N, C-alpha and C. Protein backbone atom coordinates (compact mmCIF):
# COMPACT_ATOMS: atom_id res chain seq x y z
N UNK A 1 120.35 122.25 78.76
CA UNK A 1 119.31 121.82 79.71
C UNK A 1 119.92 121.71 81.10
N UNK A 2 119.29 122.30 82.08
CA UNK A 2 119.83 122.28 83.44
C UNK A 2 119.63 120.92 84.07
N UNK A 3 120.39 120.67 85.16
CA UNK A 3 120.30 119.38 85.84
C UNK A 3 118.95 119.17 86.48
N UNK A 4 118.20 120.25 86.74
CA UNK A 4 116.91 120.12 87.42
C UNK A 4 115.77 119.90 86.44
N UNK A 5 116.07 119.88 85.15
CA UNK A 5 115.02 119.76 84.15
C UNK A 5 114.87 118.32 83.70
N UNK A 6 113.63 117.87 83.61
CA UNK A 6 113.38 116.52 83.11
C UNK A 6 113.13 116.56 81.62
N UNK A 7 112.15 117.34 81.18
CA UNK A 7 111.86 117.53 79.76
C UNK A 7 111.37 118.95 79.57
N UNK A 8 111.47 119.47 78.36
CA UNK A 8 110.91 120.79 78.12
C UNK A 8 109.41 120.79 78.39
N UNK A 9 108.89 121.93 78.85
CA UNK A 9 107.47 121.99 79.22
C UNK A 9 106.56 121.61 78.07
N UNK A 10 106.95 121.95 76.84
CA UNK A 10 106.08 121.68 75.70
C UNK A 10 105.90 120.20 75.45
N UNK A 11 106.86 119.38 75.86
CA UNK A 11 106.78 117.96 75.56
C UNK A 11 106.36 117.11 76.76
N UNK A 12 106.02 117.77 77.88
CA UNK A 12 105.67 117.01 79.07
C UNK A 12 104.36 116.26 78.89
N UNK A 13 103.47 116.78 78.04
CA UNK A 13 102.20 116.10 77.77
C UNK A 13 102.07 115.98 76.26
N UNK A 14 102.30 114.79 75.77
CA UNK A 14 102.25 114.59 74.33
C UNK A 14 102.05 113.14 73.98
N UNK A 15 102.72 112.70 72.92
CA UNK A 15 102.53 111.35 72.40
C UNK A 15 102.77 110.29 73.46
N UNK A 16 103.84 110.41 74.21
CA UNK A 16 104.19 109.39 75.21
C UNK A 16 103.08 109.24 76.23
N UNK A 17 102.57 110.37 76.72
CA UNK A 17 101.51 110.32 77.74
C UNK A 17 100.22 109.73 77.18
N UNK A 18 99.89 110.09 75.94
CA UNK A 18 98.68 109.54 75.32
C UNK A 18 98.80 108.03 75.16
N UNK A 19 99.96 107.58 74.71
CA UNK A 19 100.17 106.13 74.55
C UNK A 19 100.03 105.41 75.88
N UNK A 20 100.58 105.97 76.94
CA UNK A 20 100.48 105.31 78.24
C UNK A 20 99.03 105.21 78.71
N UNK A 21 98.26 106.26 78.51
CA UNK A 21 96.85 106.21 78.91
C UNK A 21 96.09 105.18 78.07
N UNK A 22 96.25 105.25 76.76
CA UNK A 22 95.49 104.35 75.88
C UNK A 22 95.95 102.91 76.04
N UNK A 23 97.24 102.69 76.26
CA UNK A 23 97.70 101.31 76.48
C UNK A 23 97.12 100.74 77.76
N UNK A 24 96.89 101.60 78.76
CA UNK A 24 96.20 101.15 79.97
C UNK A 24 94.78 100.72 79.67
N UNK A 25 94.08 101.50 78.84
CA UNK A 25 92.73 101.13 78.42
C UNK A 25 92.75 99.77 77.72
N UNK A 26 93.65 99.63 76.76
CA UNK A 26 93.73 98.39 75.98
C UNK A 26 94.07 97.19 76.85
N UNK A 27 95.00 97.36 77.76
CA UNK A 27 95.43 96.24 78.60
C UNK A 27 94.30 95.69 79.45
N UNK A 28 93.60 96.56 80.16
CA UNK A 28 92.53 96.08 81.05
C UNK A 28 91.33 95.59 80.27
N UNK A 29 90.99 96.25 79.17
CA UNK A 29 89.88 95.78 78.35
C UNK A 29 90.17 94.39 77.79
N UNK A 30 91.41 94.17 77.35
CA UNK A 30 91.79 92.86 76.82
C UNK A 30 91.79 91.79 77.90
N UNK A 31 92.25 92.14 79.10
CA UNK A 31 92.25 91.16 80.19
C UNK A 31 90.83 90.72 80.54
N UNK A 32 89.91 91.68 80.66
CA UNK A 32 88.53 91.33 80.98
C UNK A 32 87.88 90.55 79.86
N UNK A 33 88.12 90.97 78.62
CA UNK A 33 87.54 90.26 77.48
C UNK A 33 88.07 88.83 77.40
N UNK A 34 89.35 88.64 77.71
CA UNK A 34 89.93 87.30 77.69
C UNK A 34 89.29 86.42 78.76
N UNK A 35 89.08 86.98 79.95
CA UNK A 35 88.42 86.21 81.01
C UNK A 35 87.02 85.81 80.59
N UNK A 36 86.32 86.73 79.93
CA UNK A 36 84.96 86.42 79.45
C UNK A 36 85.01 85.39 78.32
N UNK A 37 86.03 85.45 77.50
CA UNK A 37 86.14 84.55 76.36
C UNK A 37 86.31 83.10 76.79
N UNK A 38 87.08 82.88 77.85
CA UNK A 38 87.34 81.50 78.27
C UNK A 38 86.32 80.99 79.28
N UNK A 39 85.46 81.87 79.78
CA UNK A 39 84.50 81.46 80.81
C UNK A 39 83.59 80.31 80.39
N UNK A 40 83.06 80.29 79.15
CA UNK A 40 82.20 79.16 78.78
C UNK A 40 82.92 77.81 78.83
N UNK A 41 84.23 77.82 78.62
CA UNK A 41 84.98 76.56 78.61
C UNK A 41 85.46 76.17 80.00
N UNK A 42 85.90 77.14 80.79
CA UNK A 42 86.55 76.82 82.07
C UNK A 42 85.87 77.45 83.28
N UNK A 43 84.84 78.26 83.05
CA UNK A 43 84.16 78.90 84.15
C UNK A 43 84.88 80.15 84.62
N UNK A 44 84.42 80.67 85.75
CA UNK A 44 85.02 81.89 86.31
C UNK A 44 85.29 81.70 87.79
N UNK A 45 85.82 80.54 88.13
CA UNK A 45 86.08 80.21 89.53
C UNK A 45 87.30 80.96 90.05
N UNK A 46 87.55 80.82 91.34
CA UNK A 46 88.72 81.44 91.95
C UNK A 46 90.01 80.94 91.30
N UNK A 47 90.05 79.66 90.96
CA UNK A 47 91.23 79.08 90.32
C UNK A 47 91.50 79.74 88.98
N UNK A 48 90.45 79.91 88.19
CA UNK A 48 90.60 80.52 86.87
C UNK A 48 91.07 81.97 87.01
N UNK A 49 90.48 82.69 87.95
CA UNK A 49 90.89 84.08 88.14
C UNK A 49 92.30 84.17 88.70
N UNK A 50 92.70 83.21 89.52
CA UNK A 50 94.09 83.18 90.01
C UNK A 50 95.06 83.03 88.85
N UNK A 51 94.72 82.16 87.89
CA UNK A 51 95.54 82.02 86.69
C UNK A 51 95.58 83.32 85.90
N UNK A 52 94.42 83.95 85.77
CA UNK A 52 94.33 85.21 85.02
C UNK A 52 95.25 86.26 85.61
N UNK A 53 95.17 86.43 86.92
CA UNK A 53 95.97 87.46 87.59
C UNK A 53 97.45 87.12 87.55
N UNK A 54 97.79 85.85 87.80
CA UNK A 54 99.19 85.44 87.83
C UNK A 54 99.85 85.62 86.47
N UNK A 55 99.17 85.20 85.42
CA UNK A 55 99.74 85.31 84.09
C UNK A 55 99.88 86.78 83.69
N UNK A 56 98.89 87.59 84.02
CA UNK A 56 98.97 89.02 83.71
C UNK A 56 100.16 89.67 84.41
N UNK A 57 100.34 89.37 85.69
CA UNK A 57 101.45 89.96 86.44
C UNK A 57 102.80 89.49 85.89
N UNK A 58 102.91 88.20 85.60
CA UNK A 58 104.17 87.68 85.08
C UNK A 58 104.49 88.27 83.71
N UNK A 59 103.48 88.38 82.86
CA UNK A 59 103.69 88.93 81.52
C UNK A 59 104.10 90.39 81.59
N UNK A 60 103.44 91.16 82.44
CA UNK A 60 103.81 92.57 82.59
C UNK A 60 105.22 92.72 83.14
N UNK A 61 105.59 91.87 84.10
CA UNK A 61 106.94 91.94 84.66
C UNK A 61 108.00 91.69 83.59
N UNK A 62 107.75 90.68 82.75
CA UNK A 62 108.68 90.40 81.65
C UNK A 62 108.72 91.59 80.69
N UNK A 63 107.55 92.17 80.43
CA UNK A 63 107.49 93.33 79.55
C UNK A 63 108.25 94.52 80.10
N UNK A 64 108.16 94.75 81.40
CA UNK A 64 108.91 95.85 82.00
C UNK A 64 110.42 95.66 81.80
N UNK A 65 110.88 94.43 82.03
CA UNK A 65 112.31 94.13 81.86
C UNK A 65 112.73 94.29 80.40
N UNK A 66 111.94 93.69 79.51
CA UNK A 66 112.28 93.75 78.09
C UNK A 66 112.21 95.17 77.56
N UNK A 67 111.16 95.89 77.98
CA UNK A 67 111.01 97.27 77.51
C UNK A 67 112.14 98.16 77.96
N UNK A 68 112.64 97.94 79.16
CA UNK A 68 113.78 98.73 79.62
C UNK A 68 115.00 98.54 78.75
N UNK A 69 115.26 97.31 78.36
CA UNK A 69 116.42 97.04 77.50
C UNK A 69 116.22 97.64 76.11
N UNK A 70 115.02 97.48 75.56
CA UNK A 70 114.75 98.02 74.23
C UNK A 70 114.78 99.54 74.22
N UNK A 71 114.27 100.14 75.29
CA UNK A 71 114.24 101.60 75.35
C UNK A 71 115.64 102.19 75.37
N UNK A 72 116.58 101.53 76.02
CA UNK A 72 117.95 102.03 76.04
C UNK A 72 118.61 101.88 74.67
N UNK A 73 118.20 100.87 73.91
CA UNK A 73 118.77 100.68 72.58
C UNK A 73 118.10 101.58 71.54
N UNK A 74 116.82 101.85 71.72
CA UNK A 74 116.05 102.64 70.75
C UNK A 74 115.26 103.72 71.49
N UNK A 75 115.93 104.74 72.01
CA UNK A 75 115.26 105.74 72.84
C UNK A 75 114.56 106.83 72.03
N UNK A 76 113.56 106.42 71.24
CA UNK A 76 112.81 107.41 70.48
C UNK A 76 111.35 106.96 70.33
N UNK A 77 110.49 107.93 70.04
CA UNK A 77 109.05 107.68 70.01
C UNK A 77 108.65 106.75 68.88
N UNK A 78 109.35 106.79 67.77
CA UNK A 78 108.98 105.93 66.65
C UNK A 78 109.09 104.46 67.03
N UNK A 79 110.15 104.09 67.74
CA UNK A 79 110.30 102.71 68.18
C UNK A 79 109.22 102.33 69.18
N UNK A 80 108.90 103.23 70.10
CA UNK A 80 107.84 102.97 71.06
C UNK A 80 106.50 102.79 70.35
N UNK A 81 106.25 103.61 69.33
CA UNK A 81 105.00 103.50 68.57
C UNK A 81 104.90 102.16 67.86
N UNK A 82 106.00 101.67 67.35
CA UNK A 82 105.98 100.37 66.69
C UNK A 82 105.74 99.25 67.69
N UNK A 83 106.27 99.41 68.90
CA UNK A 83 105.95 98.45 69.95
C UNK A 83 104.47 98.46 70.29
N UNK A 84 103.89 99.67 70.37
CA UNK A 84 102.46 99.77 70.62
C UNK A 84 101.63 99.14 69.52
N UNK A 85 102.04 99.33 68.27
CA UNK A 85 101.34 98.70 67.15
C UNK A 85 101.40 97.18 67.23
N UNK A 86 102.56 96.65 67.58
CA UNK A 86 102.70 95.20 67.72
C UNK A 86 101.77 94.67 68.80
N UNK A 87 101.70 95.37 69.94
CA UNK A 87 100.80 94.95 71.00
C UNK A 87 99.35 95.00 70.58
N UNK A 88 98.97 96.06 69.85
CA UNK A 88 97.59 96.19 69.38
C UNK A 88 97.23 95.05 68.43
N UNK A 89 98.14 94.71 67.51
CA UNK A 89 97.88 93.62 66.58
C UNK A 89 97.68 92.30 67.32
N UNK A 90 98.49 92.05 68.32
CA UNK A 90 98.38 90.81 69.08
C UNK A 90 97.06 90.74 69.84
N UNK A 91 96.60 91.87 70.37
CA UNK A 91 95.30 91.90 71.05
C UNK A 91 94.18 91.59 70.06
N UNK A 92 94.25 92.18 68.87
CA UNK A 92 93.21 91.95 67.86
C UNK A 92 93.14 90.50 67.41
N UNK A 93 94.27 89.79 67.48
CA UNK A 93 94.31 88.40 67.02
C UNK A 93 93.84 87.40 68.08
N UNK A 94 93.64 87.84 69.31
CA UNK A 94 93.26 86.91 70.39
C UNK A 94 92.02 86.10 70.05
N UNK A 95 90.93 86.70 69.56
CA UNK A 95 89.73 85.88 69.27
C UNK A 95 89.96 84.82 68.21
N UNK A 96 90.80 85.11 67.22
CA UNK A 96 91.07 84.13 66.17
C UNK A 96 91.85 82.94 66.70
N UNK A 97 92.83 83.21 67.52
CA UNK A 97 93.65 82.13 68.09
C UNK A 97 92.86 81.34 69.11
N UNK A 98 91.92 82.00 69.78
CA UNK A 98 91.19 81.35 70.87
C UNK A 98 90.32 80.19 70.41
N UNK A 99 89.71 80.30 69.25
CA UNK A 99 88.75 79.28 68.82
C UNK A 99 89.36 77.88 68.76
N UNK A 100 90.43 77.66 68.00
CA UNK A 100 91.01 76.31 67.98
C UNK A 100 91.64 75.91 69.30
N UNK A 101 92.21 76.88 70.01
CA UNK A 101 92.88 76.57 71.27
C UNK A 101 91.89 76.11 72.33
N UNK A 102 90.77 76.79 72.44
CA UNK A 102 89.76 76.39 73.42
C UNK A 102 89.20 75.01 73.11
N UNK A 103 88.99 74.74 71.82
CA UNK A 103 88.48 73.43 71.44
C UNK A 103 89.44 72.30 71.78
N UNK A 104 90.73 72.58 71.72
CA UNK A 104 91.73 71.54 71.97
C UNK A 104 91.99 71.31 73.45
N UNK A 105 91.71 72.30 74.28
CA UNK A 105 92.08 72.19 75.70
C UNK A 105 90.91 72.04 76.66
N UNK A 106 89.70 72.31 76.19
CA UNK A 106 88.55 72.35 77.10
C UNK A 106 88.36 71.05 77.86
N UNK A 107 88.45 69.92 77.17
CA UNK A 107 88.17 68.63 77.80
C UNK A 107 89.42 67.86 78.20
N UNK A 108 90.59 68.30 77.75
CA UNK A 108 91.79 67.49 77.96
C UNK A 108 92.63 67.89 79.16
N UNK A 109 92.58 69.15 79.57
CA UNK A 109 93.50 69.62 80.61
C UNK A 109 92.82 70.02 81.91
N UNK A 110 91.52 70.09 81.92
CA UNK A 110 90.82 70.46 83.15
C UNK A 110 90.81 71.95 83.40
N UNK A 111 90.16 72.33 84.49
CA UNK A 111 89.95 73.75 84.78
C UNK A 111 91.26 74.49 85.00
N UNK A 112 92.13 73.97 85.87
CA UNK A 112 93.37 74.68 86.18
C UNK A 112 94.33 74.66 85.00
N UNK A 113 94.67 73.47 84.52
CA UNK A 113 95.64 73.36 83.44
C UNK A 113 95.17 74.01 82.16
N UNK A 114 93.89 73.81 81.84
CA UNK A 114 93.36 74.37 80.60
C UNK A 114 93.33 75.88 80.62
N UNK A 115 92.81 76.45 81.69
CA UNK A 115 92.73 77.92 81.76
C UNK A 115 94.13 78.54 81.82
N UNK A 116 95.06 77.86 82.48
CA UNK A 116 96.43 78.37 82.55
C UNK A 116 97.06 78.39 81.16
N UNK A 117 96.96 77.27 80.44
CA UNK A 117 97.58 77.20 79.12
C UNK A 117 96.95 78.18 78.15
N UNK A 118 95.63 78.24 78.15
CA UNK A 118 94.94 79.13 77.22
C UNK A 118 95.33 80.58 77.45
N UNK A 119 95.36 81.00 78.70
CA UNK A 119 95.71 82.39 78.97
C UNK A 119 97.20 82.65 78.76
N UNK A 120 98.02 81.63 78.98
CA UNK A 120 99.44 81.78 78.70
C UNK A 120 99.67 82.06 77.22
N UNK A 121 98.92 81.37 76.36
CA UNK A 121 99.06 81.55 74.92
C UNK A 121 98.37 82.81 74.43
N UNK A 122 97.17 83.08 74.94
CA UNK A 122 96.38 84.19 74.43
C UNK A 122 96.76 85.54 75.02
N UNK A 123 96.92 85.58 76.34
CA UNK A 123 97.04 86.85 77.04
C UNK A 123 98.48 87.27 77.28
N UNK A 124 99.35 86.32 77.60
CA UNK A 124 100.71 86.68 77.98
C UNK A 124 101.48 87.43 76.88
N UNK A 125 101.49 86.96 75.62
CA UNK A 125 102.29 87.67 74.62
C UNK A 125 101.92 89.14 74.43
N UNK A 126 100.63 89.47 74.24
CA UNK A 126 100.33 90.90 74.11
C UNK A 126 100.62 91.71 75.36
N UNK A 127 100.44 91.12 76.54
CA UNK A 127 100.73 91.86 77.77
C UNK A 127 102.22 92.10 77.95
N UNK A 128 103.05 91.18 77.49
CA UNK A 128 104.50 91.43 77.52
C UNK A 128 104.83 92.68 76.70
N UNK A 129 104.25 92.74 75.50
CA UNK A 129 104.53 93.88 74.62
C UNK A 129 103.95 95.17 75.20
N UNK A 130 102.73 95.12 75.70
CA UNK A 130 102.12 96.31 76.28
C UNK A 130 102.86 96.76 77.54
N UNK A 131 103.33 95.80 78.33
CA UNK A 131 104.11 96.14 79.51
C UNK A 131 105.41 96.84 79.17
N UNK A 132 105.98 96.51 78.02
CA UNK A 132 107.24 97.12 77.60
C UNK A 132 107.11 98.62 77.36
N UNK A 133 105.90 99.09 77.13
CA UNK A 133 105.71 100.52 76.85
C UNK A 133 105.98 101.39 78.08
N UNK A 134 105.83 100.84 79.28
CA UNK A 134 106.02 101.65 80.48
C UNK A 134 107.47 102.11 80.66
N UNK A 135 108.46 101.21 80.69
CA UNK A 135 109.84 101.70 80.80
C UNK A 135 110.27 102.51 79.58
N UNK A 136 109.68 102.23 78.43
CA UNK A 136 109.99 103.02 77.24
C UNK A 136 109.55 104.47 77.46
N UNK A 137 108.34 104.63 77.99
CA UNK A 137 107.83 105.98 78.26
C UNK A 137 108.70 106.70 79.28
N UNK A 138 109.11 105.99 80.31
CA UNK A 138 109.96 106.61 81.33
C UNK A 138 111.30 107.02 80.73
N UNK A 139 111.87 106.16 79.90
CA UNK A 139 113.15 106.47 79.25
C UNK A 139 113.05 107.73 78.40
N UNK A 140 111.93 107.92 77.74
CA UNK A 140 111.77 109.08 76.88
C UNK A 140 111.47 110.36 77.64
N UNK A 141 110.92 110.24 78.82
CA UNK A 141 110.53 111.42 79.58
C UNK A 141 111.52 111.82 80.67
N UNK A 142 112.37 110.93 81.11
CA UNK A 142 113.31 111.24 82.18
C UNK A 142 114.71 111.40 81.59
N UNK A 143 115.24 112.61 81.68
CA UNK A 143 116.58 112.85 81.16
C UNK A 143 117.58 113.21 82.25
N UNK A 144 117.12 113.27 83.50
CA UNK A 144 118.02 113.52 84.62
C UNK A 144 117.39 112.96 85.88
N UNK A 145 118.21 112.79 86.92
CA UNK A 145 117.69 112.26 88.18
C UNK A 145 116.71 113.23 88.81
N UNK A 146 117.03 114.51 88.75
CA UNK A 146 116.14 115.52 89.32
C UNK A 146 114.82 115.53 88.56
N UNK A 147 113.73 115.32 89.25
CA UNK A 147 112.42 115.30 88.61
C UNK A 147 112.01 113.95 88.09
N UNK A 148 112.87 112.93 88.25
CA UNK A 148 112.53 111.60 87.74
C UNK A 148 111.30 111.03 88.45
N UNK A 149 111.18 111.31 89.74
CA UNK A 149 110.03 110.79 90.48
C UNK A 149 108.73 111.36 89.96
N UNK A 150 108.71 112.66 89.66
CA UNK A 150 107.50 113.29 89.14
C UNK A 150 107.10 112.70 87.79
N UNK A 151 108.08 112.57 86.89
CA UNK A 151 107.78 112.04 85.56
C UNK A 151 107.31 110.59 85.63
N UNK A 152 107.99 109.78 86.42
CA UNK A 152 107.62 108.37 86.54
C UNK A 152 106.24 108.22 87.17
N UNK A 153 105.99 108.97 88.24
CA UNK A 153 104.69 108.90 88.89
C UNK A 153 103.57 109.32 87.98
N UNK A 154 103.81 110.35 87.17
CA UNK A 154 102.78 110.82 86.24
C UNK A 154 102.45 109.75 85.20
N UNK A 155 103.46 109.08 84.68
CA UNK A 155 103.23 108.06 83.67
C UNK A 155 102.50 106.85 84.23
N UNK A 156 102.88 106.43 85.44
CA UNK A 156 102.16 105.31 86.06
C UNK A 156 100.72 105.70 86.37
N UNK A 157 100.50 106.95 86.80
CA UNK A 157 99.13 107.40 87.08
C UNK A 157 98.28 107.39 85.81
N UNK A 158 98.86 107.84 84.71
CA UNK A 158 98.13 107.83 83.44
C UNK A 158 97.78 106.42 83.01
N UNK A 159 98.74 105.50 83.15
CA UNK A 159 98.50 104.11 82.79
C UNK A 159 97.39 103.50 83.64
N UNK A 160 97.43 103.77 84.94
CA UNK A 160 96.41 103.23 85.84
C UNK A 160 95.05 103.84 85.55
N UNK A 161 95.02 105.15 85.28
CA UNK A 161 93.75 105.80 84.92
C UNK A 161 93.17 105.19 83.65
N UNK A 162 94.04 104.93 82.68
CA UNK A 162 93.57 104.26 81.47
C UNK A 162 93.04 102.87 81.76
N UNK A 163 93.71 102.16 82.67
CA UNK A 163 93.24 100.84 83.06
C UNK A 163 91.86 100.87 83.68
N UNK A 164 91.60 101.88 84.51
CA UNK A 164 90.27 102.02 85.10
C UNK A 164 89.21 102.26 84.03
N UNK A 165 89.54 103.11 83.06
CA UNK A 165 88.61 103.37 81.97
C UNK A 165 88.35 102.09 81.17
N UNK A 166 89.43 101.37 80.84
CA UNK A 166 89.28 100.13 80.09
C UNK A 166 88.49 99.09 80.85
N UNK A 167 88.72 99.01 82.15
CA UNK A 167 88.02 98.05 82.99
C UNK A 167 86.51 98.26 82.95
N UNK A 168 86.08 99.49 83.23
CA UNK A 168 84.64 99.76 83.29
C UNK A 168 84.01 99.85 81.90
N UNK A 169 84.76 100.34 80.91
CA UNK A 169 84.23 100.39 79.55
C UNK A 169 83.95 98.99 79.03
N UNK A 170 84.88 98.07 79.28
CA UNK A 170 84.69 96.69 78.82
C UNK A 170 83.56 96.01 79.57
N UNK A 171 83.54 96.16 80.89
CA UNK A 171 82.56 95.44 81.71
C UNK A 171 81.15 95.99 81.56
N UNK A 172 81.02 97.30 81.46
CA UNK A 172 79.69 97.92 81.48
C UNK A 172 79.14 98.25 80.10
N UNK A 173 80.00 98.39 79.11
CA UNK A 173 79.53 98.81 77.79
C UNK A 173 79.93 97.87 76.66
N UNK A 174 81.22 97.67 76.47
CA UNK A 174 81.66 96.97 75.27
C UNK A 174 81.23 95.51 75.23
N UNK A 175 81.55 94.74 76.27
CA UNK A 175 81.19 93.32 76.25
C UNK A 175 79.68 93.12 76.20
N UNK A 176 78.88 93.83 77.00
CA UNK A 176 77.43 93.63 76.91
C UNK A 176 76.83 94.09 75.58
N UNK A 177 77.37 95.15 74.97
CA UNK A 177 76.75 95.74 73.79
C UNK A 177 77.26 95.18 72.47
N UNK A 178 78.56 94.94 72.37
CA UNK A 178 79.11 94.51 71.08
C UNK A 178 79.76 93.14 71.14
N UNK A 179 79.91 92.57 72.32
CA UNK A 179 80.46 91.23 72.43
C UNK A 179 81.97 91.22 72.65
N UNK A 180 82.47 90.03 72.94
CA UNK A 180 83.87 89.89 73.30
C UNK A 180 84.81 90.17 72.13
N UNK A 181 84.50 89.62 70.96
CA UNK A 181 85.38 89.79 69.81
C UNK A 181 85.57 91.26 69.47
N UNK A 182 84.48 92.00 69.41
CA UNK A 182 84.57 93.41 69.08
C UNK A 182 85.24 94.22 70.18
N UNK A 183 85.14 93.74 71.41
CA UNK A 183 85.85 94.42 72.50
C UNK A 183 87.36 94.36 72.26
N UNK A 184 87.85 93.19 71.86
CA UNK A 184 89.27 93.07 71.52
C UNK A 184 89.63 94.01 70.37
N UNK A 185 88.79 94.02 69.34
CA UNK A 185 89.09 94.82 68.14
C UNK A 185 89.09 96.31 68.46
N UNK A 186 88.10 96.75 69.22
CA UNK A 186 88.03 98.17 69.58
C UNK A 186 89.21 98.58 70.46
N UNK A 187 89.51 97.75 71.45
CA UNK A 187 90.64 98.05 72.34
C UNK A 187 91.95 98.13 71.56
N UNK A 188 92.13 97.18 70.63
CA UNK A 188 93.33 97.20 69.80
C UNK A 188 93.34 98.39 68.86
N UNK A 189 92.18 98.70 68.29
CA UNK A 189 92.09 99.81 67.35
C UNK A 189 92.43 101.15 67.97
N UNK A 190 92.04 101.35 69.22
CA UNK A 190 92.37 102.60 69.91
C UNK A 190 93.88 102.80 70.00
N UNK A 191 94.58 101.76 70.42
CA UNK A 191 96.03 101.87 70.56
C UNK A 191 96.71 101.99 69.20
N UNK A 192 96.23 101.22 68.23
CA UNK A 192 96.81 101.29 66.89
C UNK A 192 96.61 102.68 66.29
N UNK A 193 95.44 103.27 66.51
CA UNK A 193 95.17 104.59 65.97
C UNK A 193 96.09 105.66 66.53
N UNK A 194 96.47 105.52 67.79
CA UNK A 194 97.39 106.47 68.41
C UNK A 194 98.81 106.27 67.90
N UNK A 195 99.21 105.01 67.74
CA UNK A 195 100.61 104.70 67.42
C UNK A 195 100.94 104.75 65.93
N UNK A 196 99.96 104.49 65.08
CA UNK A 196 100.24 104.34 63.65
C UNK A 196 100.90 105.57 63.03
N UNK A 197 100.40 106.79 63.24
CA UNK A 197 101.04 107.93 62.59
C UNK A 197 102.51 108.10 62.98
N UNK A 198 102.84 107.84 64.25
CA UNK A 198 104.20 108.04 64.71
C UNK A 198 105.11 106.88 64.33
N UNK A 199 104.54 105.70 64.10
CA UNK A 199 105.35 104.51 63.84
C UNK A 199 106.13 104.63 62.54
N UNK A 200 105.60 105.34 61.57
CA UNK A 200 106.30 105.50 60.30
C UNK A 200 106.63 106.96 60.03
N UNK A 201 106.81 107.71 61.11
CA UNK A 201 107.24 109.09 60.98
C UNK A 201 108.65 109.15 60.40
N UNK A 202 108.92 110.19 59.64
CA UNK A 202 110.26 110.32 59.05
C UNK A 202 111.32 110.65 60.09
N UNK A 203 110.88 111.16 61.25
CA UNK A 203 111.80 111.50 62.33
C UNK A 203 111.56 110.59 63.52
N UNK A 204 112.61 110.00 64.10
CA UNK A 204 112.43 109.14 65.26
C UNK A 204 111.77 109.85 66.44
N UNK A 205 112.05 111.12 66.67
CA UNK A 205 111.52 111.95 67.76
C UNK A 205 111.97 111.47 69.12
């Protein structure tokens, strides 16, 4: 492989790119569904949304750091797929964990403290795992400095495009039509469906 090559042309668009797009869908759909889930207890004020955004950013930042370390230790698609499956499972479990947690915090911690704690418990863990997929994807697609910018930019663009799809799909279709719980399940199911076949592949890839 020459120094100017990042990846073979055949593998430039494949499993890694699909995971990045779908994980973007799952991430934004889960964030919106979580905000809707806690709204009856804490409202949707500027304070609550500030907590939502801050926790999402912090969780993703931790995920980027953690994913970079894991990707260097396990630089193959099978490990990335298992990370995606873990994130999908955590998203699917959010509605189950939310019920007792909301009941325990609604009246005791107030708008700021309650919404912060609830989202820290519900949203941060899956977003850490989903955030880890980004450096993993970059590690798998960039094999030299030459062309690294193109590969990295493409992966971030795919993730952001997926986020836009997840944002509008959740807000305009899923939450109004099937409700918050099913929005989590559908968002998680999409990512799990993409990752499951590769997660137990006989070859790491």
